Amino acid sequence: MAASKLQALWNHPAGPKTIHFWAPTFKWGISIANLADSVKPPEKVSYPQQIAVTATGVIWSRYSTVITPKNWNLFSVNIVMAGTGIYQLTRKIRHDYFNEEKQAVVAKE
């Protein structure tokens, strides 16, 4: 029974013999690296990089449900990419714009 399931996975249209399998696998690496960057100080976060990660996640999470066969691994990795990108952008924006206002108020007092 296990051999037949393994053979079914191997011969699946989105199985390991196709790019549909490997593309999400590499994107998981990008998502994990972006999550690991959460410990970096916000001033080291790049706007262009995070906008690219977020846009890729948002756009491809939509289109990964349109392609045939549906690739739920691709869908889930893109949701994670969008989420980590939004989180990093939020950190960067808070640091760059809202932290300065707080410092200015403290400096006036």
N, C-alpha and C. Protein backbone atom coordinates (compact mmCIF):
# COMPACT_ATOMS: atom_id res chain seq x y z
N MET A 1 0.83 -1.20 0.00
CA MET A 1 0.00 0.00 0.00
C MET A 1 0.87 1.26 0.00
N ALA A 2 1.93 1.27 0.80
CA ALA A 2 2.81 2.44 0.85
C ALA A 2 3.51 2.63 -0.49
N ALA A 3 3.86 1.53 -1.13
CA ALA A 3 4.54 1.62 -2.43
C ALA A 3 3.62 2.24 -3.48
N SER A 4 2.33 1.89 -3.43
CA SER A 4 1.40 2.46 -4.41
C SER A 4 1.19 3.96 -4.16
N LYS A 5 1.19 4.37 -2.89
CA LYS A 5 1.05 5.80 -2.58
C LYS A 5 2.30 6.57 -3.02
N LEU A 6 3.46 5.96 -2.83
CA LEU A 6 4.69 6.59 -3.26
C LEU A 6 4.74 6.70 -4.78
N GLN A 7 4.29 5.67 -5.45
CA GLN A 7 4.25 5.70 -6.91
C GLN A 7 3.25 6.73 -7.41
N ALA A 8 2.11 6.84 -6.71
CA ALA A 8 1.11 7.84 -7.09
C ALA A 8 1.67 9.26 -6.92
N LEU A 9 2.41 9.49 -5.82
CA LEU A 9 3.05 10.80 -5.62
C LEU A 9 4.09 11.05 -6.72
N TRP A 10 4.90 10.05 -7.01
CA TRP A 10 5.96 10.20 -8.01
C TRP A 10 5.38 10.53 -9.39
N ASN A 11 4.25 9.93 -9.73
CA ASN A 11 3.67 10.12 -11.06
C ASN A 11 2.60 11.21 -11.10
N HIS A 12 2.37 11.88 -9.99
CA HIS A 12 1.36 12.94 -9.94
C HIS A 12 1.79 14.11 -10.83
N PRO A 13 0.82 14.81 -11.46
CA PRO A 13 1.17 15.96 -12.32
C PRO A 13 1.92 17.08 -11.58
N ALA A 14 1.81 17.14 -10.27
CA ALA A 14 2.56 18.14 -9.49
C ALA A 14 3.58 17.44 -8.60
N GLY A 15 4.05 16.27 -9.02
CA GLY A 15 5.00 15.48 -8.23
C GLY A 15 6.43 15.94 -8.39
N PRO A 16 7.36 15.18 -7.78
CA PRO A 16 8.76 15.58 -7.75
C PRO A 16 9.47 15.61 -9.11
N LYS A 17 8.85 15.09 -10.14
CA LYS A 17 9.46 15.12 -11.47
C LYS A 17 9.14 16.41 -12.22
N THR A 18 8.44 17.32 -11.60
CA THR A 18 8.01 18.55 -12.29
C THR A 18 8.45 19.79 -11.54
N ILE A 19 8.47 20.91 -12.23
CA ILE A 19 8.80 22.19 -11.60
C ILE A 19 7.71 22.60 -10.62
N HIS A 20 6.50 22.08 -10.81
CA HIS A 20 5.39 22.41 -9.90
C HIS A 20 5.69 21.94 -8.48
N PHE A 21 6.56 20.96 -8.35
CA PHE A 21 6.96 20.49 -7.03
C PHE A 21 8.12 21.31 -6.47
N TRP A 22 9.12 21.59 -7.30
CA TRP A 22 10.35 22.21 -6.82
C TRP A 22 10.24 23.72 -6.61
N ALA A 23 9.43 24.40 -7.39
CA ALA A 23 9.29 25.85 -7.22
C ALA A 23 8.81 26.21 -5.81
N PRO A 24 7.75 25.59 -5.31
CA PRO A 24 7.33 25.92 -3.94
C PRO A 24 8.37 25.51 -2.90
N THR A 25 9.12 24.47 -3.19
CA THR A 25 10.14 24.03 -2.23
C THR A 25 11.19 25.11 -2.04
N PHE A 26 11.65 25.73 -3.13
CA PHE A 26 12.62 26.81 -3.01
C PHE A 26 11.98 28.05 -2.39
N LYS A 27 10.71 28.28 -2.66
CA LYS A 27 10.03 29.45 -2.07
C LYS A 27 9.89 29.29 -0.56
N TRP A 28 9.77 28.04 -0.08
CA TRP A 28 9.74 27.82 1.37
C TRP A 28 11.05 28.30 1.99
N GLY A 29 12.15 28.08 1.29
CA GLY A 29 13.44 28.57 1.79
C GLY A 29 13.47 30.07 1.91
N ILE A 30 12.91 30.77 0.92
CA ILE A 30 12.85 32.23 0.98
C ILE A 30 11.97 32.68 2.15
N SER A 31 10.85 32.00 2.34
CA SER A 31 9.94 32.36 3.43
C SER A 31 10.59 32.14 4.79
N ILE A 32 11.31 31.03 4.94
CA ILE A 32 11.97 30.75 6.21
C ILE A 32 13.09 31.77 6.46
N ALA A 33 13.83 32.12 5.41
CA ALA A 33 14.88 33.14 5.56
C ALA A 33 14.28 34.49 5.94
N ASN A 34 13.14 34.82 5.35
CA ASN A 34 12.49 36.09 5.67
C ASN A 34 11.99 36.08 7.11
N LEU A 35 11.52 34.94 7.56
CA LEU A 35 11.08 34.82 8.95
C LEU A 35 12.28 34.92 9.89
N ALA A 36 13.41 34.34 9.50
CA ALA A 36 14.62 34.42 10.32
C ALA A 36 15.13 35.86 10.41
N ASP A 37 14.84 36.66 9.40
CA ASP A 37 15.25 38.08 9.41
C ASP A 37 14.46 38.90 10.42
N SER A 38 13.49 38.31 11.07
CA SER A 38 12.69 39.03 12.06
C SER A 38 13.54 39.46 13.25
N VAL A 39 14.66 38.80 13.45
CA VAL A 39 15.53 39.17 14.58
C VAL A 39 16.47 40.31 14.21
N LYS A 40 16.56 40.63 12.92
CA LYS A 40 17.38 41.77 12.49
C LYS A 40 16.76 43.07 12.96
N PRO A 41 17.57 44.07 13.21
CA PRO A 41 16.99 45.37 13.53
C PRO A 41 16.23 45.93 12.32
N PRO A 42 15.15 46.65 12.55
CA PRO A 42 14.33 47.15 11.44
C PRO A 42 15.09 48.01 10.44
N GLU A 43 16.13 48.70 10.89
CA GLU A 43 16.86 49.55 9.94
C GLU A 43 17.63 48.73 8.90
N LYS A 44 17.80 47.44 9.14
CA LYS A 44 18.49 46.57 8.17
C LYS A 44 17.52 45.91 7.19
N VAL A 45 16.22 46.13 7.37
CA VAL A 45 15.21 45.56 6.48
C VAL A 45 15.10 46.45 5.24
N SER A 46 15.00 45.81 4.07
CA SER A 46 14.96 46.53 2.81
C SER A 46 13.53 46.67 2.30
N TYR A 47 13.12 47.92 2.01
CA TYR A 47 11.79 48.12 1.43
C TYR A 47 11.62 47.38 0.10
N PRO A 48 12.53 47.54 -0.87
CA PRO A 48 12.32 46.87 -2.16
C PRO A 48 12.23 45.35 -2.03
N GLN A 49 13.07 44.76 -1.18
CA GLN A 49 13.04 43.31 -1.02
C GLN A 49 11.71 42.87 -0.41
N GLN A 50 11.26 43.56 0.61
CA GLN A 50 10.02 43.14 1.28
C GLN A 50 8.79 43.41 0.41
N ILE A 51 8.83 44.47 -0.38
CA ILE A 51 7.72 44.72 -1.31
C ILE A 51 7.67 43.61 -2.35
N ALA A 52 8.84 43.17 -2.83
CA ALA A 52 8.89 42.09 -3.81
C ALA A 52 8.37 40.78 -3.21
N VAL A 53 8.78 40.47 -2.00
CA VAL A 53 8.33 39.24 -1.34
C VAL A 53 6.81 39.29 -1.12
N THR A 54 6.32 40.42 -0.64
CA THR A 54 4.89 40.57 -0.39
C THR A 54 4.08 40.49 -1.68
N ALA A 55 4.52 41.19 -2.71
CA ALA A 55 3.79 41.19 -3.98
C ALA A 55 3.79 39.79 -4.61
N THR A 56 4.93 39.12 -4.56
CA THR A 56 5.00 37.76 -5.08
C THR A 56 4.01 36.86 -4.35
N GLY A 57 3.99 36.97 -3.03
CA GLY A 57 3.08 36.14 -2.24
C GLY A 57 1.62 36.42 -2.55
N VAL A 58 1.27 37.69 -2.63
CA VAL A 58 -0.14 38.05 -2.88
C VAL A 58 -0.57 37.63 -4.29
N ILE A 59 0.25 37.94 -5.28
CA ILE A 59 -0.12 37.63 -6.66
C ILE A 59 -0.21 36.13 -6.89
N TRP A 60 0.81 35.40 -6.48
CA TRP A 60 0.83 33.96 -6.78
C TRP A 60 -0.08 33.15 -5.89
N SER A 61 -0.47 33.66 -4.73
CA SER A 61 -1.46 32.91 -3.94
C SER A 61 -2.79 32.90 -4.67
N ARG A 62 -3.08 33.96 -5.39
CA ARG A 62 -4.30 34.00 -6.20
C ARG A 62 -4.20 33.05 -7.40
N TYR A 63 -3.11 33.16 -8.13
CA TYR A 63 -2.99 32.37 -9.36
C TYR A 63 -2.66 30.91 -9.13
N SER A 64 -2.18 30.56 -7.95
CA SER A 64 -1.90 29.15 -7.69
C SER A 64 -3.18 28.33 -7.54
N THR A 65 -4.31 29.01 -7.33
CA THR A 65 -5.58 28.29 -7.26
C THR A 65 -6.23 28.16 -8.64
N VAL A 66 -5.70 28.86 -9.64
CA VAL A 66 -6.27 28.85 -10.98
C VAL A 66 -5.63 27.77 -11.85
N ILE A 67 -4.34 27.49 -11.62
CA ILE A 67 -3.64 26.53 -12.46
C ILE A 67 -4.15 25.12 -12.22
N THR A 68 -3.98 24.28 -13.22
CA THR A 68 -4.39 22.88 -13.12
C THR A 68 -3.15 22.02 -13.26
N PRO A 69 -2.90 21.11 -12.38
CA PRO A 69 -3.66 20.76 -11.18
C PRO A 69 -3.42 21.79 -10.07
N LYS A 70 -4.40 21.91 -9.19
CA LYS A 70 -4.25 22.85 -8.08
C LYS A 70 -3.07 22.40 -7.23
N ASN A 71 -2.21 23.33 -6.92
CA ASN A 71 -1.01 23.03 -6.15
C ASN A 71 -1.12 23.73 -4.81
N TRP A 72 -1.60 23.01 -3.81
CA TRP A 72 -1.86 23.62 -2.51
C TRP A 72 -0.57 23.96 -1.78
N ASN A 73 0.51 23.27 -2.10
CA ASN A 73 1.81 23.63 -1.54
C ASN A 73 2.22 25.02 -2.03
N LEU A 74 2.03 25.28 -3.32
CA LEU A 74 2.34 26.59 -3.89
C LEU A 74 1.45 27.66 -3.27
N PHE A 75 0.19 27.35 -3.08
CA PHE A 75 -0.74 28.30 -2.45
C PHE A 75 -0.29 28.63 -1.03
N SER A 76 0.02 27.61 -0.24
CA SER A 76 0.36 27.86 1.16
C SER A 76 1.69 28.60 1.30
N VAL A 77 2.68 28.28 0.46
CA VAL A 77 3.95 29.00 0.57
C VAL A 77 3.78 30.46 0.19
N ASN A 78 2.91 30.75 -0.75
CA ASN A 78 2.68 32.14 -1.13
C ASN A 78 1.93 32.91 -0.06
N ILE A 79 1.03 32.26 0.64
CA ILE A 79 0.36 32.91 1.77
C ILE A 79 1.39 33.25 2.85
N VAL A 80 2.31 32.31 3.11
CA VAL A 80 3.36 32.56 4.11
C VAL A 80 4.29 33.67 3.63
N MET A 81 4.63 33.68 2.34
CA MET A 81 5.49 34.75 1.81
C MET A 81 4.82 36.11 1.99
N ALA A 82 3.56 36.19 1.64
CA ALA A 82 2.83 37.46 1.79
C ALA A 82 2.79 37.87 3.27
N GLY A 83 2.53 36.92 4.13
CA GLY A 83 2.46 37.22 5.57
C GLY A 83 3.77 37.70 6.15
N THR A 84 4.87 37.01 5.81
CA THR A 84 6.16 37.44 6.34
C THR A 84 6.59 38.78 5.74
N GLY A 85 6.26 39.00 4.47
CA GLY A 85 6.59 40.28 3.84
C GLY A 85 5.82 41.43 4.47
N ILE A 86 4.54 41.21 4.72
CA ILE A 86 3.71 42.25 5.37
C ILE A 86 4.23 42.52 6.77
N TYR A 87 4.58 41.46 7.48
CA TYR A 87 5.12 41.64 8.84
C TYR A 87 6.40 42.47 8.82
N GLN A 88 7.31 42.15 7.92
CA GLN A 88 8.58 42.88 7.84
C GLN A 88 8.35 44.34 7.42
N LEU A 89 7.45 44.56 6.45
CA LEU A 89 7.14 45.93 6.04
C LEU A 89 6.54 46.73 7.19
N THR A 90 5.68 46.09 7.97
CA THR A 90 5.07 46.75 9.12
C THR A 90 6.13 47.14 10.14
N ARG A 91 7.07 46.24 10.41
CA ARG A 91 8.16 46.56 11.32
C ARG A 91 8.96 47.76 10.83
N LYS A 92 9.28 47.74 9.54
CA LYS A 92 10.10 48.80 8.95
C LYS A 92 9.36 50.14 8.98
N ILE A 93 8.11 50.15 8.61
CA ILE A 93 7.32 51.39 8.59
C ILE A 93 7.16 51.94 10.00
N ARG A 94 6.85 51.06 10.96
CA ARG A 94 6.73 51.52 12.35
C ARG A 94 8.04 52.16 12.83
N HIS A 95 9.14 51.53 12.50
CA HIS A 95 10.44 52.05 12.94
C HIS A 95 10.77 53.38 12.26
N ASP A 96 10.53 53.46 10.94
CA ASP A 96 10.93 54.65 10.19
C ASP A 96 10.02 55.85 10.41
N TYR A 97 8.73 55.62 10.60
CA TYR A 97 7.80 56.76 10.64
C TYR A 97 7.18 57.00 12.00
N PHE A 98 6.81 55.96 12.71
CA PHE A 98 6.12 56.17 13.98
C PHE A 98 7.08 56.29 15.15
N ASN A 99 8.23 55.68 15.05
CA ASN A 99 9.23 55.77 16.10
C ASN A 99 9.81 57.18 16.18
N GLU A 100 9.97 57.87 15.04
CA GLU A 100 10.50 59.23 15.02
C GLU A 100 9.56 60.21 15.70
N GLU A 101 8.26 60.04 15.51
CA GLU A 101 7.29 60.92 16.16
C GLU A 101 7.38 60.78 17.67
N LYS A 102 7.52 59.54 18.13
CA LYS A 102 7.62 59.29 19.55
C LYS A 102 8.89 59.92 20.12
N GLN A 103 9.99 59.82 19.39
CA GLN A 103 11.24 60.40 19.82
C GLN A 103 11.16 61.93 19.83
N ALA A 104 10.46 62.51 18.87
CA ALA A 104 10.33 63.97 18.80
C ALA A 104 9.53 64.50 19.99
N VAL A 105 8.50 63.77 20.37
CA VAL A 105 7.69 64.19 21.52
C VAL A 105 8.52 64.12 22.80
N VAL A 106 9.29 63.06 22.94
CA VAL A 106 10.14 62.91 24.13
C VAL A 106 11.21 63.99 24.14
N ALA A 107 11.77 64.36 23.00
CA ALA A 107 12.82 65.38 22.91
C ALA A 107 12.28 66.76 23.29
N LYS A 108 11.01 67.04 22.98
CA LYS A 108 10.42 68.34 23.31
C LYS A 108 10.22 68.51 24.81
N GLU A 109 10.00 67.41 25.49
CA GLU A 109 9.72 67.50 26.93
C GLU A 109 10.92 67.72 27.71
